Structures are given as structure tokens and as C-alpha cells.
Amino acid sequence: MLLILAILPIIVTVGLGVGAGLRHQFAPSTSDILIQLVMHYALPLSLFGGILSLKRATILQNRAVAVWLAVGMLGGMALVIAFQVLRHQTLDVATLRGLVIASPSIPFMGVSVLLVLFGKISVLLVALGGLYMNLIQVPLSVLLLTLASGLPAEQRWQASWQKLRSACRQPVVWAPISAFCLNLLGLRLPSAWLTSFTELGQAAGGVALFALGLLLTTRPWHLTRTVVGNVVMKNIGLPLVVWGLMVLGHVALPTQQLVIVTLAIPTATIATMLAVQNRVVPDEYVATQMLSTIIAPITMGAFMWALQLV
């Protein structure tokens, strides 16, 4: 029953978005507008209020979650890039494959799925995943893509620095950082005030999933062996490797559950966006995102069952 409750919102809400897209009920740019609503308003409000409503002890007790999530997202990305380069792949393609495999779409799917499975602690997972992506993965990718472009060294560092500054100005980054700092200083949000943040914040998950459904109908994609390989690594391979390391490290089962289900969330859109910006053909990354999302209910459900969540 818990598996159905966790997976059904993905299927229904994404399906509604797909249906609306197939019927052309919204303009092609609507998904971009909805994503901006989520990333600039709904999700930052949800994270800020949610983190301030957590007990400080809860955050401190989950330091291992932060470490292992970093191992999966940051260590996984570094390993994929290194492996691709050793196979004589170009640096730009290696970077984007590392990003597409190691970047779960936490703001889109995590808000809904993780809340059903883990309750209030899910806001910590969403915040950590967003910070790792926006503060480390994206600037690093920009730097590597700039290196691949052959620009002078000064322009490379300038582009990376500008991207980092731009990331820090995004509400989805500074809102959870501010909330973490205030929480650790002892400030907690009274429950009576929480509705000021949840009124719009609670819409983040549903709106994001609906926008994802619209995206599935507006971007053409084709299935290839490379795309299948990317998806197998993203949805199954990376979570499985990190899980094996956690078992070998005798990490507590609750921590394993939090980290592995988060890593099993399908890939984010950021690789496609960076491919377009850097004039790299985005077809592979669009297709990877689409297939990763379509099979997510099956692969995530399998991990939930294996981790004794259902």
C-alpha cells in the first residue's frame, strides 16, 4: 500500500501533464513558466518553512545522510566523467553524461515521493540535493564545458565564477542555506506561522510533476543504446553501487533508505539545458531524461521493496 501511495502521485500527475500536452491545452512555453514558478517561489518557500520546522537535533543526527548523498551525487559524477574520458570520449560529452547520471530530479519528483515515504525529513533531502546540484555540479560542469570549448583560461574561470554567483542568487539555493543557519542557531518556526510558507510551497511537487508531463510531449526523443545505458546507470547502477558501499560500511538501514531512494529519482533537466547553452546536440540527454522518468515507477518501486520500505 505504501508503494502505491508513493508511486501513484507520479503516474497520475505526470499523466495529466502528458494528456494536457497531447491535447494542446497549453502553449509550448507553459512548462518553462511552471518550472520557474516552482524553482523561484513554491520550492524555496517549502524548503525554508520545512527546514525551520525541523528540530535542530534532527538535522545534526542526519549528517551521515548528507555525506552519503554527496558520495552519490558528487562522487558518482566524478567517476562517470573519469570513466568516459578514459574511454577517449570528448570532455563536453563526458561532463554531460556524468551530470545526467548523477543528478536526480529532486525538486520535481522528490517533493512528492519522499514526503509520502519519509515525512518531514524529506525536506532535508530535497534541500541537500538542490544545494549539491546548484552549488557544485552545475558550476563544475560549466567549467569543464568551457575547458572543452577551447576558450582562454581567463574566460574559463570567469564563466565558472559567474555561474556560481548566479546560482547563489537563486532562491532555491539561498532559502535553504538561510534556513539551515537559522535552525542551527536555535530559531524554529512556530507551527502557527508554517502556513505562510506552505500555502504556495505545498504546490511545488504537483506543479513540477505536471510540468514534467508537459515536457514529455514537447521534446522529440529517440531511443538508442547509449540512452538505455545512461538510464540503467542512473536509475539502477549508481544507487546500487552506493547502496553496496553503505552496506559494506555498516551504515544504518534508515540512512540507507533515505539516500538510496533519493538517488533512484530519475535524472534532472539540467544536462539538457547545459547542452543547448554550449551548442552540444541535446538529443541524448533529452531522451535519457524521458526514459528515466517513464521507468522510474518500476525502478524506484524495486528499491523501495528491497530497502524494506514496502
C-alpha atoms as a PDB file:
ATOM      1  CA  MET A   1       0.000   0.000   0.000  1.00  0.00           C
ATOM      2  CA  LEU A   2       2.824   2.442   0.828  1.00  0.00           C
ATOM      3  CA  LEU A   3       4.417   1.724  -2.557  1.00  0.00           C
ATOM      4  CA  ILE A   4       1.158   2.632  -4.282  1.00  0.00           C
ATOM      5  CA  LEU A   5       0.811   5.817  -2.238  1.00  0.00           C
ATOM      6  CA  ALA A   6       4.380   6.846  -3.121  1.00  0.00           C
ATOM      7  CA  ILE A   7       4.320   5.997  -6.829  1.00  0.00           C
ATOM      8  CA  LEU A   8       0.708   6.774  -7.766  1.00  0.00           C
ATOM      9  CA  PRO A   9       1.111  10.595  -7.483  1.00  0.00           C
ATOM     10  CA  ILE A  10       3.934  10.430 -10.055  1.00  0.00           C
ATOM     11  CA  ILE A  11       1.914   8.386 -12.526  1.00  0.00           C
ATOM     12  CA  VAL A  12      -1.315  10.376 -12.142  1.00  0.00           C
ATOM     13  CA  THR A  13       0.173  13.881 -12.134  1.00  0.00           C
ATOM     14  CA  VAL A  14       2.713  13.296 -14.910  1.00  0.00           C
ATOM     15  CA  GLY A  15      -0.036  11.527 -16.851  1.00  0.00           C
ATOM     16  CA  LEU A  16      -2.312  14.549 -16.518  1.00  0.00           C
ATOM     17  CA  GLY A  17       0.500  16.728 -17.861  1.00  0.00           C
ATOM     18  CA  VAL A  18       1.047  14.368 -20.784  1.00  0.00           C
ATOM     19  CA  GLY A  19      -2.672  14.364 -21.533  1.00  0.00           C
ATOM     20  CA  ALA A  20      -2.837  18.154 -21.441  1.00  0.00           C
ATOM     21  CA  GLY A  21       0.177  18.348 -23.740  1.00  0.00           C
ATOM     22  CA  LEU A  22      -1.229  15.875 -26.248  1.00  0.00           C
ATOM     23  CA  ARG A  23      -4.470  17.867 -26.373  1.00  0.00           C
ATOM     24  CA  HIS A  24      -2.504  21.101 -26.823  1.00  0.00           C
ATOM     25  CA  GLN A  25      -4.311  22.732 -23.911  1.00  0.00           C
ATOM     26  CA  PHE A  26      -1.230  24.806 -23.055  1.00  0.00           C
ATOM     27  CA  ALA A  27       1.297  26.719 -25.101  1.00  0.00           C
ATOM     28  CA  PRO A  28       4.704  25.004 -25.556  1.00  0.00           C
ATOM     29  CA  SER A  29       6.294  27.564 -23.217  1.00  0.00           C
ATOM     30  CA  THR A  30       3.916  26.731 -20.344  1.00  0.00           C
ATOM     31  CA  SER A  31       6.212  24.068 -18.891  1.00  0.00           C
ATOM     32  CA  ASP A  32       9.034  26.624 -18.640  1.00  0.00           C
ATOM     33  CA  ILE A  33       6.725  29.050 -16.825  1.00  0.00           C
ATOM     34  CA  LEU A  34       5.589  26.364 -14.378  1.00  0.00           C
ATOM     35  CA  ILE A  35       9.190  25.348 -13.726  1.00  0.00           C
ATOM     36  CA  GLN A  36      10.063  28.974 -12.933  1.00  0.00           C
ATOM     37  CA  LEU A  37       7.117  29.132 -10.523  1.00  0.00           C
ATOM     38  CA  VAL A  38       8.375  26.026  -8.735  1.00  0.00           C
ATOM     39  CA  MET A  39      12.068  26.963  -8.643  1.00  0.00           C
ATOM     40  CA  HIS A  40      11.681  30.661  -7.764  1.00  0.00           C
ATOM     41  CA  TYR A  41       8.700  30.609  -5.409  1.00  0.00           C
ATOM     42  CA  ALA A  42       6.970  27.359  -4.446  1.00  0.00           C
ATOM     43  CA  LEU A  43      10.019  25.169  -3.711  1.00  0.00           C
ATOM     44  CA  PRO A  44      12.082  27.868  -1.885  1.00  0.00           C
ATOM     45  CA  LEU A  45       9.079  28.623   0.346  1.00  0.00           C
ATOM     46  CA  SER A  46       8.561  24.927   1.020  1.00  0.00           C
ATOM     47  CA  LEU A  47      12.241  24.380   1.880  1.00  0.00           C
ATOM     48  CA  PHE A  48      12.556  27.473   4.053  1.00  0.00           C
ATOM     49  CA  GLY A  49       9.467  26.718   6.108  1.00  0.00           C
ATOM     50  CA  GLY A  50      10.136  22.996   6.246  1.00  0.00           C
ATOM     51  CA  ILE A  51      13.740  23.290   7.462  1.00  0.00           C
ATOM     52  CA  LEU A  52      12.794  25.821  10.129  1.00  0.00           C
ATOM     53  CA  SER A  53      10.078  23.459  11.350  1.00  0.00           C
ATOM     54  CA  LEU A  54      12.601  20.629  11.885  1.00  0.00           C
ATOM     55  CA  LYS A  55      14.227  20.093  15.240  1.00  0.00           C
ATOM     56  CA  ARG A  56      17.895  21.046  15.239  1.00  0.00           C
ATOM     57  CA  ALA A  57      18.725  17.594  16.614  1.00  0.00           C
ATOM     58  CA  THR A  58      17.071  16.030  13.568  1.00  0.00           C
ATOM     59  CA  ILE A  59      19.420  17.888  11.209  1.00  0.00           C
ATOM     60  CA  LEU A  60      22.508  17.075  13.272  1.00  0.00           C
ATOM     61  CA  GLN A  61      21.542  13.402  13.585  1.00  0.00           C
ATOM     62  CA  ASN A  62      21.352  13.077   9.789  1.00  0.00           C
ATOM     63  CA  ARG A  63      24.899  14.194   8.987  1.00  0.00           C
ATOM     64  CA  ALA A  64      25.561  10.747   7.525  1.00  0.00           C
ATOM     65  CA  VAL A  65      22.718  11.317   5.050  1.00  0.00           C
ATOM     66  CA  ALA A  66      24.424  14.500   3.834  1.00  0.00           C
ATOM     67  CA  VAL A  67      27.752  12.682   3.450  1.00  0.00           C
ATOM     68  CA  TRP A  68      26.381   9.678   1.560  1.00  0.00           C
ATOM     69  CA  LEU A  69      24.189  11.792  -0.675  1.00  0.00           C
ATOM     70  CA  ALA A  70      27.340  13.730  -1.590  1.00  0.00           C
ATOM     71  CA  VAL A  71      29.127  10.448  -2.315  1.00  0.00           C
ATOM     72  CA  GLY A  72      26.367   9.502  -4.736  1.00  0.00           C
ATOM     73  CA  MET A  73      25.851  12.832  -6.485  1.00  0.00           C
ATOM     74  CA  LEU A  74      29.360  14.303  -6.460  1.00  0.00           C
ATOM     75  CA  GLY A  75      31.466  11.153  -6.334  1.00  0.00           C
ATOM     76  CA  GLY A  76      29.236   9.479  -8.903  1.00  0.00           C
ATOM     77  CA  MET A  77      29.551  12.391 -11.296  1.00  0.00           C
ATOM     78  CA  ALA A  78      33.353  12.460 -10.944  1.00  0.00           C
ATOM     79  CA  LEU A  79      33.651   8.709 -11.585  1.00  0.00           C
ATOM     80  CA  VAL A  80      31.431   8.792 -14.672  1.00  0.00           C
ATOM     81  CA  ILE A  81      33.382  11.709 -16.156  1.00  0.00           C
ATOM     82  CA  ALA A  82      36.711   9.999 -15.466  1.00  0.00           C
ATOM     83  CA  PHE A  83      35.475   6.713 -16.983  1.00  0.00           C
ATOM     84  CA  GLN A  84      34.203   8.476 -20.103  1.00  0.00           C
ATOM     85  CA  VAL A  85      37.465  10.380 -20.580  1.00  0.00           C
ATOM     86  CA  LEU A  86      39.477   7.163 -20.180  1.00  0.00           C
ATOM     87  CA  ARG A  87      37.361   5.712 -22.975  1.00  0.00           C
ATOM     88  CA  HIS A  88      38.528   8.655 -25.119  1.00  0.00           C
ATOM     89  CA  GLN A  89      35.174  10.430 -25.014  1.00  0.00           C
ATOM     90  CA  THR A  90      35.264  14.195 -25.564  1.00  0.00           C
ATOM     91  CA  LEU A  91      35.233  16.287 -22.382  1.00  0.00           C
ATOM     92  CA  ASP A  92      31.923  18.002 -23.131  1.00  0.00           C
ATOM     93  CA  VAL A  93      30.050  14.725 -23.698  1.00  0.00           C
ATOM     94  CA  ALA A  94      31.774  13.091 -20.687  1.00  0.00           C
ATOM     95  CA  THR A  95      30.721  16.015 -18.475  1.00  0.00           C
ATOM     96  CA  LEU A  96      27.089  15.945 -19.588  1.00  0.00           C
ATOM     97  CA  ARG A  97      26.885  12.164 -19.157  1.00  0.00           C
ATOM     98  CA  GLY A  98      28.303  12.498 -15.655  1.00  0.00           C
ATOM     99  CA  LEU A  99      25.691  15.132 -14.894  1.00  0.00           C
ATOM    100  CA  VAL A 100      22.773  13.229 -16.390  1.00  0.00           C
ATOM    101  CA  ILE A 101      23.658  10.067 -14.428  1.00  0.00           C
ATOM    102  CA  ALA A 102      24.448  11.664 -11.065  1.00  0.00           C
ATOM    103  CA  SER A 103      21.776  14.398 -10.840  1.00  0.00           C
ATOM    104  CA  PRO A 104      18.401  13.173  -9.569  1.00  0.00           C
ATOM    105  CA  SER A 105      15.430  15.427 -10.283  1.00  0.00           C
ATOM    106  CA  ILE A 106      14.751  16.032  -6.610  1.00  0.00           C
ATOM    107  CA  PRO A 107      12.820  19.331  -6.981  1.00  0.00           C
ATOM    108  CA  PHE A 108      10.442  17.664  -9.446  1.00  0.00           C
ATOM    109  CA  MET A 109       9.794  14.200  -8.026  1.00  0.00           C
ATOM    110  CA  GLY A 110      11.396  14.277  -4.605  1.00  0.00           C
ATOM    111  CA  VAL A 111       8.944  16.710  -3.051  1.00  0.00           C
ATOM    112  CA  SER A 112       6.009  14.337  -3.586  1.00  0.00           C
ATOM    113  CA  VAL A 113       7.568  10.876  -3.309  1.00  0.00           C
ATOM    114  CA  LEU A 114       9.938  11.480  -0.395  1.00  0.00           C
ATOM    115  CA  LEU A 115       7.219  13.183   1.659  1.00  0.00           C
ATOM    116  CA  VAL A 116       5.000  10.094   1.444  1.00  0.00           C
ATOM    117  CA  LEU A 117       7.851   7.759   2.391  1.00  0.00           C
ATOM    118  CA  PHE A 118       9.759   9.741   4.997  1.00  0.00           C
ATOM    119  CA  GLY A 119       7.545  12.574   6.222  1.00  0.00           C
ATOM    120  CA  LYS A 120       9.074  15.902   7.319  1.00  0.00           C
ATOM    121  CA  ILE A 121      12.669  14.708   6.965  1.00  0.00           C
ATOM    122  CA  SER A 122      12.104  14.719   3.193  1.00  0.00           C
ATOM    123  CA  VAL A 123      12.635  18.496   3.172  1.00  0.00           C
ATOM    124  CA  LEU A 124      16.224  17.883   4.309  1.00  0.00           C
ATOM    125  CA  LEU A 125      16.826  15.516   1.380  1.00  0.00           C
ATOM    126  CA  VAL A 126      15.386  17.979  -1.142  1.00  0.00           C
ATOM    127  CA  ALA A 127      17.442  20.846   0.280  1.00  0.00           C
ATOM    128  CA  LEU A 128      20.713  18.876   0.280  1.00  0.00           C
ATOM    129  CA  GLY A 129      20.166  17.556  -3.234  1.00  0.00           C
ATOM    130  CA  GLY A 130      19.393  21.030  -4.545  1.00  0.00           C
ATOM    131  CA  LEU A 131      22.472  22.537  -2.906  1.00  0.00           C
ATOM    132  CA  TYR A 132      24.818  19.857  -4.245  1.00  0.00           C
ATOM    133  CA  MET A 133      23.416  20.312  -7.729  1.00  0.00           C
ATOM    134  CA  ASN A 134      23.326  24.118  -7.882  1.00  0.00           C
ATOM    135  CA  LEU A 135      26.467  24.929  -5.903  1.00  0.00           C
ATOM    136  CA  ILE A 136      28.817  22.167  -7.077  1.00  0.00           C
ATOM    137  CA  GLN A 137      27.591  20.071 -10.011  1.00  0.00           C
ATOM    138  CA  VAL A 138      26.416  22.916 -12.233  1.00  0.00           C
ATOM    139  CA  PRO A 139      29.439  25.262 -11.752  1.00  0.00           C
ATOM    140  CA  LEU A 140      31.828  22.329 -12.204  1.00  0.00           C
ATOM    141  CA  SER A 141      30.009  21.314 -15.384  1.00  0.00           C
ATOM    142  CA  VAL A 142      30.177  24.872 -16.707  1.00  0.00           C
ATOM    143  CA  LEU A 143      33.926  24.964 -16.045  1.00  0.00           C
ATOM    144  CA  LEU A 144      34.540  21.630 -17.791  1.00  0.00           C
ATOM    145  CA  LEU A 145      32.334  22.554 -20.750  1.00  0.00           C
ATOM    146  CA  THR A 146      34.205  25.850 -21.044  1.00  0.00           C
ATOM    147  CA  LEU A 147      37.518  23.953 -20.976  1.00  0.00           C
ATOM    148  CA  ALA A 148      36.209  21.758 -23.774  1.00  0.00           C
ATOM    149  CA  SER A 149      35.319  24.821 -25.829  1.00  0.00           C
ATOM    150  CA  GLY A 150      38.960  25.903 -26.076  1.00  0.00           C
ATOM    151  CA  LEU A 151      38.430  29.409 -24.680  1.00  0.00           C
ATOM    152  CA  PRO A 152      41.363  31.192 -22.972  1.00  0.00           C
ATOM    153  CA  ALA A 153      41.955  30.267 -19.315  1.00  0.00           C
ATOM    154  CA  GLU A 154      40.804  33.652 -18.029  1.00  0.00           C
ATOM    155  CA  GLN A 155      37.441  33.306 -19.768  1.00  0.00           C
ATOM    156  CA  ARG A 156      37.025  29.776 -18.438  1.00  0.00           C
ATOM    157  CA  TRP A 157      37.369  30.815 -14.802  1.00  0.00           C
ATOM    158  CA  GLN A 158      35.267  33.900 -15.384  1.00  0.00           C
ATOM    159  CA  ALA A 159      32.423  31.815 -16.809  1.00  0.00           C
ATOM    160  CA  SER A 160      32.572  29.380 -13.891  1.00  0.00           C
ATOM    161  CA  TRP A 161      32.653  32.198 -11.328  1.00  0.00           C
ATOM    162  CA  GLN A 162      29.696  33.919 -12.958  1.00  0.00           C
ATOM    163  CA  LYS A 163      27.713  30.677 -12.884  1.00  0.00           C
ATOM    164  CA  LEU A 164      28.486  30.170  -9.191  1.00  0.00           C
ATOM    165  CA  ARG A 165      27.417  33.737  -8.380  1.00  0.00           C
ATOM    166  CA  SER A 166      24.251  33.260 -10.403  1.00  0.00           C
ATOM    167  CA  ALA A 167      23.493  30.017  -8.545  1.00  0.00           C
ATOM    168  CA  CYS A 168      23.930  31.671  -5.152  1.00  0.00           C
ATOM    169  CA  ARG A 169      21.370  34.319  -6.106  1.00  0.00           C
ATOM    170  CA  GLN A 170      18.711  31.720  -6.871  1.00  0.00           C
ATOM    171  CA  PRO A 171      16.002  31.452  -4.160  1.00  0.00           C
ATOM    172  CA  VAL A 172      16.184  27.658  -4.306  1.00  0.00           C
ATOM    173  CA  VAL A 173      19.814  27.946  -3.076  1.00  0.00           C
ATOM    174  CA  TRP A 174      19.863  30.815  -0.576  1.00  0.00           C
ATOM    175  CA  ALA A 175      16.486  29.987   1.001  1.00  0.00           C
ATOM    176  CA  PRO A 176      17.530  26.559   2.372  1.00  0.00           C
ATOM    177  CA  ILE A 177      21.021  27.816   3.302  1.00  0.00           C
ATOM    178  CA  SER A 178      19.454  30.657   5.303  1.00  0.00           C
ATOM    179  CA  ALA A 179      17.012  28.247   6.921  1.00  0.00           C
ATOM    180  CA  PHE A 180      19.824  25.827   7.865  1.00  0.00           C
ATOM    181  CA  CYS A 181      21.802  28.649   9.505  1.00  0.00           C
ATOM    182  CA  LEU A 182      18.788  29.977  11.418  1.00  0.00           C
ATOM    183  CA  ASN A 183      17.818  26.480  12.556  1.00  0.00           C
ATOM    184  CA  LEU A 184      21.317  25.657  13.796  1.00  0.00           C
ATOM    185  CA  LEU A 185      21.332  28.981  15.677  1.00  0.00           C
ATOM    186  CA  GLY A 186      18.274  27.787  17.563  1.00  0.00           C
ATOM    187  CA  LEU A 187      15.453  29.507  15.678  1.00  0.00           C
ATOM    188  CA  ARG A 188      12.400  27.343  14.963  1.00  0.00           C
ATOM    189  CA  LEU A 189       9.263  28.337  13.133  1.00  0.00           C
ATOM    190  CA  PRO A 190       6.087  28.220  15.256  1.00  0.00           C
ATOM    191  CA  SER A 191       3.537  25.858  13.733  1.00  0.00           C
ATOM    192  CA  ALA A 192       1.004  28.706  13.509  1.00  0.00           C
ATOM    193  CA  TRP A 193       3.343  30.514  11.074  1.00  0.00           C
ATOM    194  CA  LEU A 194       4.079  27.489   8.910  1.00  0.00           C
ATOM    195  CA  THR A 195       1.030  28.049   6.699  1.00  0.00           C
ATOM    196  CA  SER A 196       2.625  31.277   5.440  1.00  0.00           C
ATOM    197  CA  PHE A 197       5.179  29.091   3.655  1.00  0.00           C
ATOM    198  CA  THR A 198       3.067  26.026   2.844  1.00  0.00           C
ATOM    199  CA  GLU A 199       0.187  27.866   1.157  1.00  0.00           C
ATOM    200  CA  LEU A 200       2.209  28.070  -2.066  1.00  0.00           C
ATOM    201  CA  GLY A 201       5.004  25.722  -1.055  1.00  0.00           C
ATOM    202  CA  GLN A 202       2.751  22.652  -0.928  1.00  0.00           C
ATOM    203  CA  ALA A 203       2.053  23.093  -4.634  1.00  0.00           C
ATOM    204  CA  ALA A 204       5.718  22.576  -5.573  1.00  0.00           C
ATOM    205  CA  GLY A 205       5.584  18.804  -6.076  1.00  0.00           C
ATOM    206  CA  GLY A 206       2.331  18.655  -8.043  1.00  0.00           C
ATOM    207  CA  VAL A 207       3.117  21.607 -10.297  1.00  0.00           C
ATOM    208  CA  ALA A 208       6.621  20.257 -11.000  1.00  0.00           C
ATOM    209  CA  LEU A 209       5.285  16.804 -11.961  1.00  0.00           C
ATOM    210  CA  PHE A 210       2.604  18.333 -14.192  1.00  0.00           C
ATOM    211  CA  ALA A 211       5.248  20.488 -15.911  1.00  0.00           C
ATOM    212  CA  LEU A 212       7.349  17.363 -16.439  1.00  0.00           C
ATOM    213  CA  GLY A 213       4.376  15.705 -18.129  1.00  0.00           C
ATOM    214  CA  LEU A 214       4.067  18.669 -20.483  1.00  0.00           C
ATOM    215  CA  LEU A 215       7.779  18.401 -21.281  1.00  0.00           C
ATOM    216  CA  LEU A 216       7.340  14.763 -22.318  1.00  0.00           C
ATOM    217  CA  THR A 217       5.076  15.910 -25.156  1.00  0.00           C
ATOM    218  CA  THR A 218       7.020  18.960 -26.353  1.00  0.00           C
ATOM    219  CA  ARG A 219      10.510  17.500 -26.851  1.00  0.00           C
ATOM    220  CA  PRO A 220      11.085  14.821 -29.519  1.00  0.00           C
ATOM    221  CA  TRP A 221      13.345  11.995 -28.414  1.00  0.00           C
ATOM    222  CA  HIS A 222      14.726   8.740 -29.799  1.00  0.00           C
ATOM    223  CA  LEU A 223      15.805   5.550 -28.067  1.00  0.00           C
ATOM    224  CA  THR A 224      19.427   4.473 -28.595  1.00  0.00           C
ATOM    225  CA  ARG A 225      21.837   2.060 -26.939  1.00  0.00           C
ATOM    226  CA  THR A 226      23.659   4.985 -25.307  1.00  0.00           C
ATOM    227  CA  VAL A 227      20.417   6.364 -23.895  1.00  0.00           C
ATOM    228  CA  VAL A 228      19.487   2.960 -22.455  1.00  0.00           C
ATOM    229  CA  GLY A 229      22.956   2.707 -20.898  1.00  0.00           C
ATOM    230  CA  ASN A 230      22.625   6.146 -19.327  1.00  0.00           C
ATOM    231  CA  VAL A 231      19.237   5.270 -17.856  1.00  0.00           C
ATOM    232  CA  VAL A 232      20.403   1.909 -16.491  1.00  0.00           C
ATOM    233  CA  MET A 233      23.299   3.686 -14.762  1.00  0.00           C
ATOM    234  CA  LYS A 234      21.087   6.497 -13.452  1.00  0.00           C
ATOM    235  CA  ASN A 235      18.047   4.572 -12.269  1.00  0.00           C
ATOM    236  CA  ILE A 236      19.753   1.357 -11.167  1.00  0.00           C
ATOM    237  CA  GLY A 237      23.558   1.347 -11.365  1.00  0.00           C
ATOM    238  CA  LEU A 238      24.513   4.398  -9.285  1.00  0.00           C
ATOM    239  CA  PRO A 239      22.014   3.767  -6.452  1.00  0.00           C
ATOM    240  CA  LEU A 240      23.064   0.109  -6.382  1.00  0.00           C
ATOM    241  CA  VAL A 241      26.794   0.938  -6.137  1.00  0.00           C
ATOM    242  CA  VAL A 242      26.254   3.475  -3.340  1.00  0.00           C
ATOM    243  CA  TRP A 243      23.982   1.031  -1.541  1.00  0.00           C
ATOM    244  CA  GLY A 244      26.707  -1.618  -1.714  1.00  0.00           C
ATOM    245  CA  LEU A 245      29.221   0.812  -0.228  1.00  0.00           C
ATOM    246  CA  MET A 246      26.805   1.707   2.562  1.00  0.00           C
ATOM    247  CA  VAL A 247      26.225  -1.961   3.379  1.00  0.00           C
ATOM    248  CA  LEU A 248      29.987  -2.567   3.469  1.00  0.00           C
ATOM    249  CA  GLY A 249      30.316   0.466   5.744  1.00  0.00           C
ATOM    250  CA  HIS A 250      27.627  -0.915   8.098  1.00  0.00           C
ATOM    251  CA  VAL A 251      25.515   2.214   7.669  1.00  0.00           C
ATOM    252  CA  ALA A 252      22.187   2.122   9.496  1.00  0.00           C
ATOM    253  CA  LEU A 253      19.193   0.976   7.436  1.00  0.00           C
ATOM    254  CA  PRO A 254      17.201   4.235   7.876  1.00  0.00           C
ATOM    255  CA  THR A 255      20.125   6.178   6.389  1.00  0.00           C
ATOM    256  CA  GLN A 256      20.370   3.693   3.518  1.00  0.00           C
ATOM    257  CA  GLN A 257      16.668   4.162   2.807  1.00  0.00           C
ATOM    258  CA  LEU A 258      16.861   7.960   2.742  1.00  0.00           C
ATOM    259  CA  VAL A 259      19.924   8.108   0.485  1.00  0.00           C
ATOM    260  CA  ILE A 260      19.195   5.297  -1.984  1.00  0.00           C
ATOM    261  CA  VAL A 261      15.590   6.243  -2.728  1.00  0.00           C
ATOM    262  CA  THR A 262      16.727   9.843  -3.297  1.00  0.00           C
ATOM    263  CA  LEU A 263      19.464   8.736  -5.707  1.00  0.00           C
ATOM    264  CA  ALA A 264      16.965   6.491  -7.527  1.00  0.00           C
ATOM    265  CA  ILE A 265      14.847   9.510  -8.520  1.00  0.00           C
ATOM    266  CA  PRO A 266      15.106   9.961 -12.333  1.00  0.00           C
ATOM    267  CA  THR A 267      17.501  12.410 -13.905  1.00  0.00           C
ATOM    268  CA  ALA A 268      17.113  16.194 -13.860  1.00  0.00           C
ATOM    269  CA  THR A 269      16.756  18.559 -16.827  1.00  0.00           C
ATOM    270  CA  ILE A 270      19.984  20.462 -16.165  1.00  0.00           C
ATOM    271  CA  ALA A 271      22.123  18.362 -18.544  1.00  0.00           C
ATOM    272  CA  THR A 272      19.803  19.180 -21.451  1.00  0.00           C
ATOM    273  CA  MET A 273      19.844  22.880 -20.590  1.00  0.00           C
ATOM    274  CA  LEU A 274      23.642  22.999 -20.473  1.00  0.00           C
ATOM    275  CA  ALA A 275      23.912  21.028 -23.716  1.00  0.00           C
ATOM    276  CA  VAL A 276      21.756  23.598 -25.503  1.00  0.00           C
ATOM    277  CA  GLN A 277      23.665  26.517 -23.989  1.00  0.00           C
ATOM    278  CA  ASN A 278      27.024  25.052 -25.035  1.00  0.00           C
ATOM    279  CA  ARG A 279      25.934  24.019 -28.539  1.00  0.00           C
ATOM    280  CA  VAL A 280      26.190  20.297 -27.825  1.00  0.00           C
ATOM    281  CA  VAL A 281      23.493  18.208 -29.521  1.00  0.00           C
ATOM    282  CA  PRO A 282      20.969  17.641 -26.690  1.00  0.00           C
ATOM    283  CA  ASP A 283      19.134  14.620 -28.159  1.00  0.00           C
ATOM    284  CA  GLU A 284      20.894  12.058 -25.942  1.00  0.00           C
ATOM    285  CA  TYR A 285      20.145  13.953 -22.733  1.00  0.00           C
ATOM    286  CA  VAL A 286      16.513  14.684 -23.640  1.00  0.00           C
ATOM    287  CA  ALA A 287      15.936  11.001 -24.380  1.00  0.00           C
ATOM    288  CA  THR A 288      17.728   9.951 -21.182  1.00  0.00           C
ATOM    289  CA  GLN A 289      15.511  12.240 -19.116  1.00  0.00           C
ATOM    290  CA  MET A 290      12.334  10.989 -20.772  1.00  0.00           C
ATOM    291  CA  LEU A 291      13.127   7.261 -20.494  1.00  0.00           C
ATOM    292  CA  SER A 292      14.459   7.692 -16.957  1.00  0.00           C
ATOM    293  CA  THR A 293      11.172   9.317 -15.936  1.00  0.00           C
ATOM    294  CA  ILE A 294       8.966   6.760 -17.678  1.00  0.00           C
ATOM    295  CA  ILE A 295      10.544   3.731 -15.987  1.00  0.00           C
ATOM    296  CA  ALA A 296      11.016   5.456 -12.605  1.00  0.00           C
ATOM    297  CA  PRO A 297       7.878   3.958 -11.008  1.00  0.00           C
ATOM    298  CA  ILE A 298       9.292   0.475 -11.674  1.00  0.00           C
ATOM    299  CA  THR A 299      12.911   1.075 -10.649  1.00  0.00           C
ATOM    300  CA  MET A 300      12.076   3.223  -7.615  1.00  0.00           C
ATOM    301  CA  GLY A 301       9.442   0.718  -6.545  1.00  0.00           C
ATOM    302  CA  ALA A 302      12.016  -2.081  -6.721  1.00  0.00           C
ATOM    303  CA  PHE A 303      14.427  -0.149  -4.494  1.00  0.00           C
ATOM    304  CA  MET A 304      11.645   0.671  -2.010  1.00  0.00           C
ATOM    305  CA  TRP A 305      10.773  -3.025  -1.779  1.00  0.00           C
ATOM    306  CA  ALA A 306      14.417  -4.095  -1.443  1.00  0.00           C
ATOM    307  CA  LEU A 307      15.009  -1.488   1.284  1.00  0.00           C
ATOM    308  CA  GLN A 308      12.034  -2.819   3.266  1.00  0.00           C
ATOM    309  CA  LEU A 309      10.027   0.380   2.826  1.00  0.00           C
ATOM    310  CA  VAL A 310       7.025  -1.547   1.486  1.00  0.00           C
END
